[in-house]
Amino acid sequence: MFKLVCCRFLFIQITGLLFFGSATCLAYAEEIVVITHPSVSSTSANALQITRLFSMRQTVWQNEQPVVVFVLPNDSPLHRQFSINVLGVFPYQLDRIWNKLAFSGLGEKPIQVNSEQEMIKRVGTTPGAIGYVSSVNVLSNVNVLAVREQ
């Protein structure tokens, strides 16, 4: 009986690894880039700075210009991929951080847009703005912020 249970457990684990392993490969199929308004003087940032910006903990750029954060809806596959692969948190964890800031009066939630096209348009027309899109959608009216490891 014990061997049967162990074999079933092992089979479930291997099946899960195969399933989630393939999902992870698909997640990296589309590259995500962080975009900023042309007024942002920074051309690169490390992963910690990106996390601070999108968790609303850094509210001004180096030139003292206010940061305006744009994000896609929580149910967007690109938002999920960005949250997990770039920020290292699940979307619901990010949402909790934003809710805590907003409800405590210490900050505001980011501005939610409905599509990548709207993201590009809003980031391109809002001084100090930052957002993210898949690399295939980047246009010339925004800057791409290079993300360094550290």
C-alpha atoms as a PDB file:
ATOM      1  CA  MET A   1       0.000   0.000   0.000  1.00  0.00           C
ATOM      2  CA  PHE A   2       2.786   2.419   0.962  1.00  0.00           C
ATOM      3  CA  LYS A   3       4.627   1.790  -2.329  1.00  0.00           C
ATOM      4  CA  LEU A   4       1.428   2.403  -4.302  1.00  0.00           C
ATOM      5  CA  VAL A   5       0.813   5.735  -2.553  1.00  0.00           C
ATOM      6  CA  CYS A   6       4.454   6.777  -3.055  1.00  0.00           C
ATOM      7  CA  CYS A   7       4.309   5.846  -6.741  1.00  0.00           C
ATOM      8  CA  ARG A   8       1.115   7.862  -7.243  1.00  0.00           C
ATOM      9  CA  PHE A   9       2.619  10.827  -5.406  1.00  0.00           C
ATOM     10  CA  LEU A  10       5.775  10.640  -7.515  1.00  0.00           C
ATOM     11  CA  PHE A  11       3.709  10.387 -10.717  1.00  0.00           C
ATOM     12  CA  ILE A  12       1.699  13.486  -9.735  1.00  0.00           C
ATOM     13  CA  GLN A  13       4.891  15.419  -8.974  1.00  0.00           C
ATOM     14  CA  ILE A  14       6.526  14.450 -12.280  1.00  0.00           C
ATOM     15  CA  THR A  15       3.358  15.277 -14.216  1.00  0.00           C
ATOM     16  CA  GLY A  16       3.191  18.651 -12.451  1.00  0.00           C
ATOM     17  CA  LEU A  17       6.810  19.409 -13.271  1.00  0.00           C
ATOM     18  CA  LEU A  18       6.270  18.583 -16.915  1.00  0.00           C
ATOM     19  CA  PHE A  19       3.142  20.735 -17.067  1.00  0.00           C
ATOM     20  CA  PHE A  20       4.514  23.724 -15.191  1.00  0.00           C
ATOM     21  CA  GLY A  21       7.910  23.356 -16.842  1.00  0.00           C
ATOM     22  CA  SER A  22       6.302  23.752 -20.265  1.00  0.00           C
ATOM     23  CA  ALA A  23       4.292  26.724 -18.984  1.00  0.00           C
ATOM     24  CA  THR A  24       7.522  28.345 -17.826  1.00  0.00           C
ATOM     25  CA  CYS A  25       9.049  27.862 -21.281  1.00  0.00           C
ATOM     26  CA  LEU A  26       6.013  29.507 -22.847  1.00  0.00           C
ATOM     27  CA  ALA A  27       6.250  32.414 -20.413  1.00  0.00           C
ATOM     28  CA  TYR A  28       9.700  33.299 -21.713  1.00  0.00           C
ATOM     29  CA  ALA A  29       8.608  33.093 -25.346  1.00  0.00           C
ATOM     30  CA  GLU A  30       7.588  36.745 -25.296  1.00  0.00           C
ATOM     31  CA  GLU A  31      10.125  39.273 -24.058  1.00  0.00           C
ATOM     32  CA  ILE A  32       8.885  42.051 -21.798  1.00  0.00           C
ATOM     33  CA  VAL A  33      10.451  45.489 -21.892  1.00  0.00           C
ATOM     34  CA  VAL A  34      10.083  48.336 -19.424  1.00  0.00           C
ATOM     35  CA  ILE A  35       9.243  51.620 -21.135  1.00  0.00           C
ATOM     36  CA  THR A  36       9.451  55.208 -19.918  1.00  0.00           C
ATOM     37  CA  HIS A  37       8.447  58.659 -21.109  1.00  0.00           C
ATOM     38  CA  PRO A  38      11.245  60.422 -23.047  1.00  0.00           C
ATOM     39  CA  SER A  39      11.577  62.943 -20.176  1.00  0.00           C
ATOM     40  CA  VAL A  40      12.960  60.219 -17.901  1.00  0.00           C
ATOM     41  CA  SER A  41      16.731  60.591 -17.973  1.00  0.00           C
ATOM     42  CA  SER A  42      17.490  57.073 -16.703  1.00  0.00           C
ATOM     43  CA  THR A  43      18.420  54.612 -19.439  1.00  0.00           C
ATOM     44  CA  SER A  44      18.837  51.563 -17.193  1.00  0.00           C
ATOM     45  CA  ALA A  45      17.856  50.307 -13.766  1.00  0.00           C
ATOM     46  CA  ASN A  46      18.587  47.211 -11.735  1.00  0.00           C
ATOM     47  CA  ALA A  47      15.911  44.703 -10.769  1.00  0.00           C
ATOM     48  CA  LEU A  48      15.571  46.182  -7.264  1.00  0.00           C
ATOM     49  CA  GLN A  49      14.920  49.672  -8.670  1.00  0.00           C
ATOM     50  CA  ILE A  50      12.283  48.281 -11.048  1.00  0.00           C
ATOM     51  CA  THR A  51      10.596  46.525  -8.128  1.00  0.00           C
ATOM     52  CA  ARG A  52      10.677  49.725  -6.059  1.00  0.00           C
ATOM     53  CA  LEU A  53       9.156  51.701  -8.925  1.00  0.00           C
ATOM     54  CA  PHE A  54       6.307  49.268  -9.613  1.00  0.00           C
ATOM     55  CA  SER A  55       5.579  48.651  -5.927  1.00  0.00           C
ATOM     56  CA  MET A  56       5.176  52.433  -5.575  1.00  0.00           C
ATOM     57  CA  ARG A  57       8.018  52.696  -3.061  1.00  0.00           C
ATOM     58  CA  GLN A  58      10.077  54.997  -5.268  1.00  0.00           C
ATOM     59  CA  THR A  59       7.932  57.981  -6.177  1.00  0.00           C
ATOM     60  CA  VAL A  60      10.421  60.279  -7.902  1.00  0.00           C
ATOM     61  CA  TRP A  61      13.100  59.845 -10.542  1.00  0.00           C
ATOM     62  CA  GLN A  62      16.714  60.926 -10.018  1.00  0.00           C
ATOM     63  CA  ASN A  63      15.898  64.358 -11.463  1.00  0.00           C
ATOM     64  CA  GLU A  64      13.086  64.782  -8.859  1.00  0.00           C
ATOM     65  CA  GLN A  65      10.395  64.280 -11.489  1.00  0.00           C
ATOM     66  CA  PRO A  66       7.356  62.362 -10.097  1.00  0.00           C
ATOM     67  CA  VAL A  67       7.020  58.725 -11.200  1.00  0.00           C
ATOM     68  CA  VAL A  68       3.707  57.807 -12.830  1.00  0.00           C
ATOM     69  CA  VAL A  69       3.209  54.025 -13.005  1.00  0.00           C
ATOM     70  CA  PHE A  70       0.994  52.355 -15.602  1.00  0.00           C
ATOM     71  CA  VAL A  71       0.031  48.669 -15.407  1.00  0.00           C
ATOM     72  CA  LEU A  72      -2.183  46.219 -17.254  1.00  0.00           C
ATOM     73  CA  PRO A  73      -5.153  44.513 -15.517  1.00  0.00           C
ATOM     74  CA  ASN A  74      -4.390  41.704 -13.050  1.00  0.00           C
ATOM     75  CA  ASP A  75      -5.959  39.105 -15.344  1.00  0.00           C
ATOM     76  CA  SER A  76      -3.723  40.074 -18.270  1.00  0.00           C
ATOM     77  CA  PRO A  77      -1.217  37.316 -19.175  1.00  0.00           C
ATOM     78  CA  LEU A  78       1.452  39.957 -19.811  1.00  0.00           C
ATOM     79  CA  HIS A  79       0.876  41.511 -16.358  1.00  0.00           C
ATOM     80  CA  ARG A  80       1.192  38.092 -14.735  1.00  0.00           C
ATOM     81  CA  GLN A  81       4.375  37.362 -16.685  1.00  0.00           C
ATOM     82  CA  PHE A  82       5.822  40.780 -15.798  1.00  0.00           C
ATOM     83  CA  SER A  83       4.963  40.422 -12.102  1.00  0.00           C
ATOM     84  CA  ILE A  84       6.450  36.959 -11.767  1.00  0.00           C
ATOM     85  CA  ASN A  85       9.459  37.128 -14.111  1.00  0.00           C
ATOM     86  CA  VAL A  86      10.563  40.746 -13.676  1.00  0.00           C
ATOM     87  CA  LEU A  87       9.331  41.765 -10.217  1.00  0.00           C
ATOM     88  CA  GLY A  88       9.506  38.330  -8.606  1.00  0.00           C
ATOM     89  CA  VAL A  89       6.018  38.487  -7.054  1.00  0.00           C
ATOM     90  CA  PHE A  90       2.594  37.188  -7.991  1.00  0.00           C
ATOM     91  CA  PRO A  91       0.045  39.746  -9.239  1.00  0.00           C
ATOM     92  CA  TYR A  92      -2.112  39.324  -6.108  1.00  0.00           C
ATOM     93  CA  GLN A  93       0.914  40.167  -3.937  1.00  0.00           C
ATOM     94  CA  LEU A  94       1.531  43.311  -5.943  1.00  0.00           C
ATOM     95  CA  ASP A  95      -2.140  44.221  -5.638  1.00  0.00           C
ATOM     96  CA  ARG A  96      -1.926  43.818  -1.840  1.00  0.00           C
ATOM     97  CA  ILE A  97       1.009  46.225  -1.716  1.00  0.00           C
ATOM     98  CA  TRP A  98      -0.918  48.811  -3.754  1.00  0.00           C
ATOM     99  CA  ASN A  99      -4.092  48.387  -1.668  1.00  0.00           C
ATOM    100  CA  LYS A 100      -2.150  48.790   1.566  1.00  0.00           C
ATOM    101  CA  LEU A 101      -0.588  52.036   0.337  1.00  0.00           C
ATOM    102  CA  ALA A 102      -3.882  53.403  -0.973  1.00  0.00           C
ATOM    103  CA  PHE A 103      -6.000  52.465   2.053  1.00  0.00           C
ATOM    104  CA  SER A 104      -3.421  53.750   4.539  1.00  0.00           C
ATOM    105  CA  GLY A 105      -3.200  57.080   2.740  1.00  0.00           C
ATOM    106  CA  LEU A 106       0.558  56.681   2.187  1.00  0.00           C
ATOM    107  CA  GLY A 107       0.375  56.371  -1.576  1.00  0.00           C
ATOM    108  CA  GLU A 108      -1.698  55.730  -4.648  1.00  0.00           C
ATOM    109  CA  LYS A 109      -2.350  52.739  -6.830  1.00  0.00           C
ATOM    110  CA  PRO A 110      -0.811  52.726 -10.315  1.00  0.00           C
ATOM    111  CA  ILE A 111      -2.935  53.729 -13.274  1.00  0.00           C
ATOM    112  CA  GLN A 112      -4.474  50.718 -14.982  1.00  0.00           C
ATOM    113  CA  VAL A 113      -4.718  50.627 -18.782  1.00  0.00           C
ATOM    114  CA  ASN A 114      -6.612  48.095 -20.877  1.00  0.00           C
ATOM    115  CA  SER A 115      -4.085  47.217 -23.582  1.00  0.00           C
ATOM    116  CA  GLU A 116      -0.461  47.447 -24.613  1.00  0.00           C
ATOM    117  CA  GLN A 117      -1.373  50.055 -27.226  1.00  0.00           C
ATOM    118  CA  GLU A 118      -2.987  52.206 -24.541  1.00  0.00           C
ATOM    119  CA  MET A 119       0.071  51.629 -22.321  1.00  0.00           C
ATOM    120  CA  ILE A 120       2.399  52.939 -25.041  1.00  0.00           C
ATOM    121  CA  LYS A 121       0.162  55.922 -25.722  1.00  0.00           C
ATOM    122  CA  ARG A 122      -0.228  56.885 -22.044  1.00  0.00           C
ATOM    123  CA  VAL A 123       3.452  56.380 -21.153  1.00  0.00           C
ATOM    124  CA  GLY A 124       4.482  58.346 -24.257  1.00  0.00           C
ATOM    125  CA  THR A 125       2.289  61.321 -23.321  1.00  0.00           C
ATOM    126  CA  THR A 126       2.770  61.400 -19.522  1.00  0.00           C
ATOM    127  CA  PRO A 127       6.003  62.967 -18.217  1.00  0.00           C
ATOM    128  CA  GLY A 128       7.741  60.707 -15.684  1.00  0.00           C
ATOM    129  CA  ALA A 129       5.720  57.664 -16.744  1.00  0.00           C
ATOM    130  CA  ILE A 130       6.840  54.038 -16.626  1.00  0.00           C
ATOM    131  CA  GLY A 131       5.135  50.884 -17.878  1.00  0.00           C
ATOM    132  CA  TYR A 132       5.826  47.597 -19.650  1.00  0.00           C
ATOM    133  CA  VAL A 133       4.953  45.946 -22.960  1.00  0.00           C
ATOM    134  CA  SER A 134       6.036  43.011 -25.049  1.00  0.00           C
ATOM    135  CA  SER A 135       9.082  43.944 -27.102  1.00  0.00           C
ATOM    136  CA  VAL A 136       7.205  43.605 -30.391  1.00  0.00           C
ATOM    137  CA  ASN A 137       4.994  46.568 -29.484  1.00  0.00           C
ATOM    138  CA  VAL A 138       7.662  49.169 -28.708  1.00  0.00           C
ATOM    139  CA  LEU A 139       7.388  52.343 -30.764  1.00  0.00           C
ATOM    140  CA  SER A 140       9.573  55.410 -31.088  1.00  0.00           C
ATOM    141  CA  ASN A 141       7.548  57.702 -28.773  1.00  0.00           C
ATOM    142  CA  VAL A 142       8.808  55.903 -25.618  1.00  0.00           C
ATOM    143  CA  ASN A 143      12.212  54.943 -24.250  1.00  0.00           C
ATOM    144  CA  VAL A 144      13.168  51.379 -23.375  1.00  0.00           C
ATOM    145  CA  LEU A 145      14.662  51.095 -19.889  1.00  0.00           C
ATOM    146  CA  ALA A 146      17.389  48.442 -19.796  1.00  0.00           C
ATOM    147  CA  VAL A 147      17.001  46.171 -16.764  1.00  0.00           C
ATOM    148  CA  ARG A 148      20.341  45.153 -15.221  1.00  0.00           C
ATOM    149  CA  GLU A 149      20.746  42.152 -12.941  1.00  0.00           C
ATOM    150  CA  GLN A 150      22.358  44.224 -10.154  1.00  0.00           C
END
